[in-house]
């Protein structure tokens, strides 16, 4: 079984094909969801938005902690 790339609390950003802004907001992984069609899914929250998103592992990338 493959391991997840991200855990709750990880800081991530949407990959470029999934965002229209050059300075996309960062997100915190707030939950892990069951895989769908073989891909892990995550609940994401941004301080810039009043709602949560769900994204597949291929749609997000880690943000370097150093900035």
PDB file of N, CA and C in Angstrom:
ATOM      1  N   UNK A   1       0.840  -1.188   0.000  1.00  0.00           N
ATOM      2  CA  UNK A   1       0.000   0.000   0.000  1.00  0.00           C
ATOM      3  C   UNK A   1       0.885   1.252   0.000  1.00  0.00           C
ATOM      4  N   UNK A   2       0.528   2.245  -0.786  1.00  0.00           N
ATOM      5  CA  UNK A   2       1.282   3.485  -0.888  1.00  0.00           C
ATOM      6  C   UNK A   2       0.956   4.396   0.289  1.00  0.00           C
ATOM      7  N   UNK A   3       1.957   5.118   0.758  1.00  0.00           N
ATOM      8  CA  UNK A   3       1.764   6.056   1.857  1.00  0.00           C
ATOM      9  C   UNK A   3       1.327   7.409   1.331  1.00  0.00           C
ATOM     10  N   UNK A   4       0.637   8.138   2.176  1.00  0.00           N
ATOM     11  CA  UNK A   4       0.233   9.507   1.849  1.00  0.00           C
ATOM     12  C   UNK A   4       1.451  10.417   1.830  1.00  0.00           C
ATOM     13  N   UNK A   5       1.417  11.454   1.010  1.00  0.00           N
ATOM     14  CA  UNK A   5       2.497  12.436   0.970  1.00  0.00           C
ATOM     15  C   UNK A   5       2.339  13.483   2.061  1.00  0.00           C
ATOM     16  N   UNK A   6       1.099  13.747   2.500  1.00  0.00           N
ATOM     17  CA  UNK A   6       0.821  14.844   3.423  1.00  0.00           C
ATOM     18  C   UNK A   6       0.071  14.352   4.651  1.00  0.00           C
ATOM     19  N   UNK A   7       0.347  14.993   5.766  1.00  0.00           N
ATOM     20  CA  UNK A   7      -0.343  14.708   7.022  1.00  0.00           C
ATOM     21  C   UNK A   7      -1.120  15.943   7.445  1.00  0.00           C
ATOM     22  N   UNK A   8      -2.035  15.777   8.394  1.00  0.00           N
ATOM     23  CA  UNK A   8      -2.758  16.913   8.951  1.00  0.00           C
ATOM     24  C   UNK A   8      -1.736  17.909   9.504  1.00  0.00           C
ATOM     25  N   UNK A   9      -1.944  19.179   9.187  1.00  0.00           N
ATOM     26  CA  UNK A   9      -1.038  20.235   9.623  1.00  0.00           C
ATOM     27  C   UNK A   9      -0.028  20.650   8.572  1.00  0.00           C
ATOM     28  N   UNK A  10       0.119  19.866   7.505  1.00  0.00           N
ATOM     29  CA  UNK A  10       1.075  20.202   6.439  1.00  0.00           C
ATOM     30  C   UNK A  10       0.608  21.452   5.701  1.00  0.00           C
ATOM     31  N   UNK A  11       1.553  22.274   5.251  1.00  0.00           N
ATOM     32  CA  UNK A  11       1.266  23.465   4.451  1.00  0.00           C
ATOM     33  C   UNK A  11       1.450  23.097   2.979  1.00  0.00           C
ATOM     34  N   UNK A  12       0.431  23.392   2.173  1.00  0.00           N
ATOM     35  CA  UNK A  12       0.463  23.029   0.765  1.00  0.00           C
ATOM     36  C   UNK A  12      -0.076  24.177  -0.087  1.00  0.00           C
ATOM     37  N   UNK A  13       0.144  24.075  -1.389  1.00  0.00           N
ATOM     38  CA  UNK A  13      -0.421  25.003  -2.372  1.00  0.00           C
ATOM     39  C   UNK A  13      -1.001  24.181  -3.506  1.00  0.00           C
ATOM     40  N   UNK A  14      -1.972  24.758  -4.198  1.00  0.00           N
ATOM     41  CA  UNK A  14      -2.513  24.092  -5.373  1.00  0.00           C
ATOM     42  C   UNK A  14      -1.484  24.154  -6.486  1.00  0.00           C
ATOM     43  N   UNK A  15      -1.374  23.089  -7.256  1.00  0.00           N
ATOM     44  CA  UNK A  15      -0.488  23.081  -8.421  1.00  0.00           C
ATOM     45  C   UNK A  15      -0.962  24.123  -9.425  1.00  0.00           C
ATOM     46  N   UNK A  16      -0.059  24.615 -10.240  1.00  0.00           N
ATOM     47  CA  UNK A  16      -0.373  25.687 -11.186  1.00  0.00           C
ATOM     48  C   UNK A  16      -1.579  25.410 -12.090  1.00  0.00           C
ATOM     49  N   UNK A  17      -1.772  24.214 -12.623  1.00  0.00           N
ATOM     50  CA  UNK A  17      -2.944  24.015 -13.496  1.00  0.00           C
ATOM     51  C   UNK A  17      -4.279  24.201 -12.777  1.00  0.00           C
ATOM     52  N   UNK A  18      -4.270  24.172 -11.440  1.00  0.00           N
ATOM     53  CA  UNK A  18      -5.522  24.231 -10.696  1.00  0.00           C
ATOM     54  C   UNK A  18      -5.793  25.606 -10.089  1.00  0.00           C
ATOM     55  N   UNK A  19      -4.954  26.581 -10.376  1.00  0.00           N
ATOM     56  CA  UNK A  19      -5.170  27.933  -9.868  1.00  0.00           C
ATOM     57  C   UNK A  19      -4.922  28.947 -10.964  1.00  0.00           C
ATOM     58  N   UNK A  20      -5.646  30.035 -10.948  1.00  0.00           N
ATOM     59  CA  UNK A  20      -5.506  31.076 -11.961  1.00  0.00           C
ATOM     60  C   UNK A  20      -4.654  32.242 -11.490  1.00  0.00           C
ATOM     61  N   UNK A  21      -4.337  32.293 -10.217  1.00  0.00           N
ATOM     62  CA  UNK A  21      -3.559  33.405  -9.689  1.00  0.00           C
ATOM     63  C   UNK A  21      -2.095  33.008  -9.571  1.00  0.00           C
ATOM     64  N   UNK A  22      -1.217  33.958  -9.848  1.00  0.00           N
ATOM     65  CA  UNK A  22       0.215  33.673  -9.758  1.00  0.00           C
ATOM     66  C   UNK A  22       0.664  33.560  -8.301  1.00  0.00           C
ATOM     67  N   UNK A  23      -0.056  34.215  -7.415  1.00  0.00           N
ATOM     68  CA  UNK A  23       0.264  34.119  -5.987  1.00  0.00           C
ATOM     69  C   UNK A  23      -0.893  33.433  -5.281  1.00  0.00           C
ATOM     70  N   UNK A  24      -1.045  32.170  -5.509  1.00  0.00           N
ATOM     71  CA  UNK A  24      -2.137  31.393  -4.935  1.00  0.00           C
ATOM     72  C   UNK A  24      -1.989  31.313  -3.419  1.00  0.00           C
ATOM     73  N   UNK A  25      -3.117  31.256  -2.704  1.00  0.00           N
ATOM     74  CA  UNK A  25      -3.021  31.153  -1.251  1.00  0.00           C
ATOM     75  C   UNK A  25      -2.437  29.814  -0.824  1.00  0.00           C
ATOM     76  N   UNK A  26      -1.860  29.819   0.353  1.00  0.00           N
ATOM     77  CA  UNK A  26      -1.396  28.554   0.908  1.00  0.00           C
ATOM     78  C   UNK A  26      -2.539  27.939   1.708  1.00  0.00           C
ATOM     79  N   UNK A  27      -2.461  26.651   1.878  1.00  0.00           N
ATOM     80  CA  UNK A  27      -3.505  25.908   2.573  1.00  0.00           C
ATOM     81  C   UNK A  27      -2.875  25.043   3.657  1.00  0.00           C
ATOM     82  N   UNK A  28      -3.674  24.726   4.657  1.00  0.00           N
ATOM     83  CA  UNK A  28      -3.282  23.757   5.678  1.00  0.00           C
ATOM     84  C   UNK A  28      -4.129  22.511   5.470  1.00  0.00           C
ATOM     85  N   UNK A  29      -3.502  21.352   5.526  1.00  0.00           N
ATOM     86  CA  UNK A  29      -4.249  20.097   5.474  1.00  0.00           C
ATOM     87  C   UNK A  29      -4.947  19.945   6.822  1.00  0.00           C
ATOM     88  N   UNK A  30      -6.285  19.934   6.806  1.00  0.00           N
ATOM     89  CA  UNK A  30      -7.050  19.823   8.045  1.00  0.00           C
ATOM     90  C   UNK A  30      -7.715  18.455   8.199  1.00  0.00           C
ATOM     91  N   UNK A  31      -7.619  17.641   7.179  1.00  0.00           N
ATOM     92  CA  UNK A  31      -8.183  16.303   7.266  1.00  0.00           C
ATOM     93  C   UNK A  31      -7.743  15.440   6.107  1.00  0.00           C
ATOM     94  N   UNK A  32      -7.723  14.157   6.341  1.00  0.00           N
ATOM     95  CA  UNK A  32      -7.423  13.201   5.275  1.00  0.00           C
ATOM     96  C   UNK A  32      -8.705  12.428   4.985  1.00  0.00           C
ATOM     97  N   UNK A  33      -8.932  12.161   3.728  1.00  0.00           N
ATOM     98  CA  UNK A  33     -10.141  11.481   3.282  1.00  0.00           C
ATOM     99  C   UNK A  33      -9.767  10.157   2.629  1.00  0.00           C
ATOM    100  N   UNK A  34     -10.732   9.272   2.493  1.00  0.00           N
ATOM    101  CA  UNK A  34     -10.446   8.017   1.792  1.00  0.00           C
ATOM    102  C   UNK A  34     -10.018   8.286   0.353  1.00  0.00           C
ATOM    103  N   UNK A  35      -9.266   7.372  -0.199  1.00  0.00           N
ATOM    104  CA  UNK A  35      -8.840   7.536  -1.584  1.00  0.00           C
ATOM    105  C   UNK A  35     -10.048   7.370  -2.505  1.00  0.00           C
ATOM    106  N   UNK A  36      -9.958   8.038  -3.644  1.00  0.00           N
ATOM    107  CA  UNK A  36     -11.001   7.944  -4.649  1.00  0.00           C
ATOM    108  C   UNK A  36     -10.326   7.661  -5.984  1.00  0.00           C
ATOM    109  N   UNK A  37     -10.697   6.595  -6.613  1.00  0.00           N
ATOM    110  CA  UNK A  37     -10.100   6.153  -7.878  1.00  0.00           C
ATOM    111  C   UNK A  37      -8.583   6.045  -7.745  1.00  0.00           C
ATOM    112  N   UNK A  38      -8.132   5.539  -6.609  1.00  0.00           N
ATOM    113  CA  UNK A  38      -6.713   5.278  -6.390  1.00  0.00           C
ATOM    114  C   UNK A  38      -5.884   6.478  -5.976  1.00  0.00           C
ATOM    115  N   UNK A  39      -6.517   7.627  -5.719  1.00  0.00           N
ATOM    116  CA  UNK A  39      -5.768   8.823  -5.333  1.00  0.00           C
ATOM    117  C   UNK A  39      -6.204   9.282  -3.946  1.00  0.00           C
ATOM    118  N   UNK A  40      -5.222   9.559  -3.067  1.00  0.00           N
ATOM    119  CA  UNK A  40      -5.531  10.095  -1.753  1.00  0.00           C
ATOM    120  C   UNK A  40      -6.127  11.487  -1.900  1.00  0.00           C
ATOM    121  N   UNK A  41      -7.059  11.823  -0.997  1.00  0.00           N
ATOM    122  CA  UNK A  41      -7.699  13.138  -0.994  1.00  0.00           C
ATOM    123  C   UNK A  41      -7.521  13.792   0.369  1.00  0.00           C
ATOM    124  N   UNK A  42      -7.572  15.121   0.365  1.00  0.00           N
ATOM    125  CA  UNK A  42      -7.326  15.896   1.577  1.00  0.00           C
ATOM    126  C   UNK A  42      -8.333  17.030   1.694  1.00  0.00           C
ATOM    127  N   UNK A  43      -8.698  17.377   2.937  1.00  0.00           N
ATOM    128  CA  UNK A  43      -9.465  18.593   3.215  1.00  0.00           C
ATOM    129  C   UNK A  43      -8.464  19.699   3.479  1.00  0.00           C
ATOM    130  N   UNK A  44      -8.652  20.843   2.827  1.00  0.00           N
ATOM    131  CA  UNK A  44      -7.728  21.968   2.924  1.00  0.00           C
ATOM    132  C   UNK A  44      -8.453  23.216   3.410  1.00  0.00           C
ATOM    133  N   UNK A  45      -7.739  24.038   4.189  1.00  0.00           N
ATOM    134  CA  UNK A  45      -8.295  25.308   4.654  1.00  0.00           C
ATOM    135  C   UNK A  45      -7.254  26.401   4.451  1.00  0.00           C
ATOM    136  N   UNK A  46      -7.721  27.555   3.984  1.00  0.00           N
ATOM    137  CA  UNK A  46      -6.877  28.731   3.814  1.00  0.00           C
ATOM    138  C   UNK A  46      -7.432  29.853   4.678  1.00  0.00           C
ATOM    139  N   UNK A  47      -6.545  30.651   5.252  1.00  0.00           N
ATOM    140  CA  UNK A  47      -6.979  31.812   6.027  1.00  0.00           C
ATOM    141  C   UNK A  47      -7.632  32.851   5.119  1.00  0.00           C
ATOM    142  N   UNK A  48      -7.391  32.766   3.812  1.00  0.00           N
ATOM    143  CA  UNK A  48      -7.919  33.723   2.843  1.00  0.00           C
ATOM    144  C   UNK A  48      -9.330  33.396   2.366  1.00  0.00           C
ATOM    145  N   UNK A  49      -9.859  32.234   2.740  1.00  0.00           N
ATOM    146  CA  UNK A  49     -11.161  31.803   2.238  1.00  0.00           C
ATOM    147  C   UNK A  49     -12.046  31.340   3.397  1.00  0.00           C
ATOM    148  N   UNK A  50     -13.347  31.592   3.331  1.00  0.00           N
ATOM    149  CA  UNK A  50     -14.252  31.205   4.420  1.00  0.00           C
ATOM    150  C   UNK A  50     -14.785  29.771   4.302  1.00  0.00           C
ATOM    151  N   UNK A  51     -14.178  28.959   3.454  1.00  0.00           N
ATOM    152  CA  UNK A  51     -14.655  27.591   3.245  1.00  0.00           C
ATOM    153  C   UNK A  51     -13.463  26.647   3.129  1.00  0.00           C
ATOM    154  N   UNK A  52     -13.749  25.357   3.196  1.00  0.00           N
ATOM    155  CA  UNK A  52     -12.715  24.336   3.002  1.00  0.00           C
ATOM    156  C   UNK A  52     -12.808  23.802   1.582  1.00  0.00           C
ATOM    157  N   UNK A  53     -11.700  23.265   1.108  1.00  0.00           N
ATOM    158  CA  UNK A  53     -11.636  22.627  -0.212  1.00  0.00           C
ATOM    159  C   UNK A  53     -11.278  21.162  -0.024  1.00  0.00           C
ATOM    160  N   UNK A  54     -11.585  20.372  -1.035  1.00  0.00           N
ATOM    161  CA  UNK A  54     -11.116  18.991  -1.116  1.00  0.00           C
ATOM    162  C   UNK A  54     -10.261  18.903  -2.360  1.00  0.00           C
ATOM    163  N   UNK A  55      -9.065  18.340  -2.220  1.00  0.00           N
ATOM    164  CA  UNK A  55      -8.160  18.207  -3.360  1.00  0.00           C
ATOM    165  C   UNK A  55      -7.502  16.844  -3.332  1.00  0.00           C
ATOM    166  N   UNK A  56      -7.235  16.327  -4.509  1.00  0.00           N
ATOM    167  CA  UNK A  56      -6.496  15.089  -4.637  1.00  0.00           C
ATOM    168  C   UNK A  56      -5.003  15.344  -4.486  1.00  0.00           C
ATOM    169  N   UNK A  57      -4.274  14.298  -4.163  1.00  0.00           N
ATOM    170  CA  UNK A  57      -2.837  14.426  -3.932  1.00  0.00           C
ATOM    171  C   UNK A  57      -2.098  14.986  -5.156  1.00  0.00           C
ATOM    172  N   UNK A  58      -2.574  14.694  -6.355  1.00  0.00           N
ATOM    173  CA  UNK A  58      -1.916  15.197  -7.565  1.00  0.00           C
ATOM    174  C   UNK A  58      -2.180  16.684  -7.796  1.00  0.00           C
ATOM    175  N   UNK A  59      -3.132  17.264  -7.064  1.00  0.00           N
ATOM    176  CA  UNK A  59      -3.498  18.669  -7.247  1.00  0.00           C
ATOM    177  C   UNK A  59      -2.752  19.611  -6.305  1.00  0.00           C
ATOM    178  N   UNK A  60      -2.005  19.075  -5.343  1.00  0.00           N
ATOM    179  CA  UNK A  60      -1.342  19.930  -4.363  1.00  0.00           C
ATOM    180  C   UNK A  60       0.143  19.599  -4.267  1.00  0.00           C
ATOM    181  N   UNK A  61       0.903  20.576  -3.769  1.00  0.00           N
ATOM    182  CA  UNK A  61       2.334  20.381  -3.588  1.00  0.00           C
ATOM    183  C   UNK A  61       2.741  20.995  -2.251  1.00  0.00           C
ATOM    184  N   UNK A  62       3.783  20.463  -1.661  1.00  0.00           N
ATOM    185  CA  UNK A  62       4.272  20.951  -0.367  1.00  0.00           C
ATOM    186  C   UNK A  62       4.851  22.349  -0.522  1.00  0.00           C
ATOM    187  N   UNK A  63       4.673  23.137   0.524  1.00  0.00           N
ATOM    188  CA  UNK A  63       5.299  24.455   0.578  1.00  0.00           C
ATOM    189  C   UNK A  63       6.531  24.323   1.449  1.00  0.00           C
ATOM    190  N   UNK A  64       7.643  24.803   0.941  1.00  0.00           N
ATOM    191  CA  UNK A  64       8.894  24.764   1.689  1.00  0.00           C
ATOM    192  C   UNK A  64       8.741  25.586   2.963  1.00  0.00           C
ATOM    193  N   UNK A  65       9.023  24.981   4.113  1.00  0.00           N
ATOM    194  CA  UNK A  65       8.881  25.640   5.401  1.00  0.00           C
ATOM    195  C   UNK A  65       9.761  26.876   5.518  1.00  0.00           C
ATOM    196  N   UNK A  66      10.828  26.965   4.726  1.00  0.00           N
ATOM    197  CA  UNK A  66      11.737  28.109   4.784  1.00  0.00           C
ATOM    198  C   UNK A  66      11.177  29.320   4.033  1.00  0.00           C
ATOM    199  N   UNK A  67      10.084  29.101   3.315  1.00  0.00           N
ATOM    200  CA  UNK A  67       9.426  30.211   2.649  1.00  0.00           C
ATOM    201  C   UNK A  67       9.764  30.348   1.230  1.00  0.00           C
TER     202      UNK A  67
END
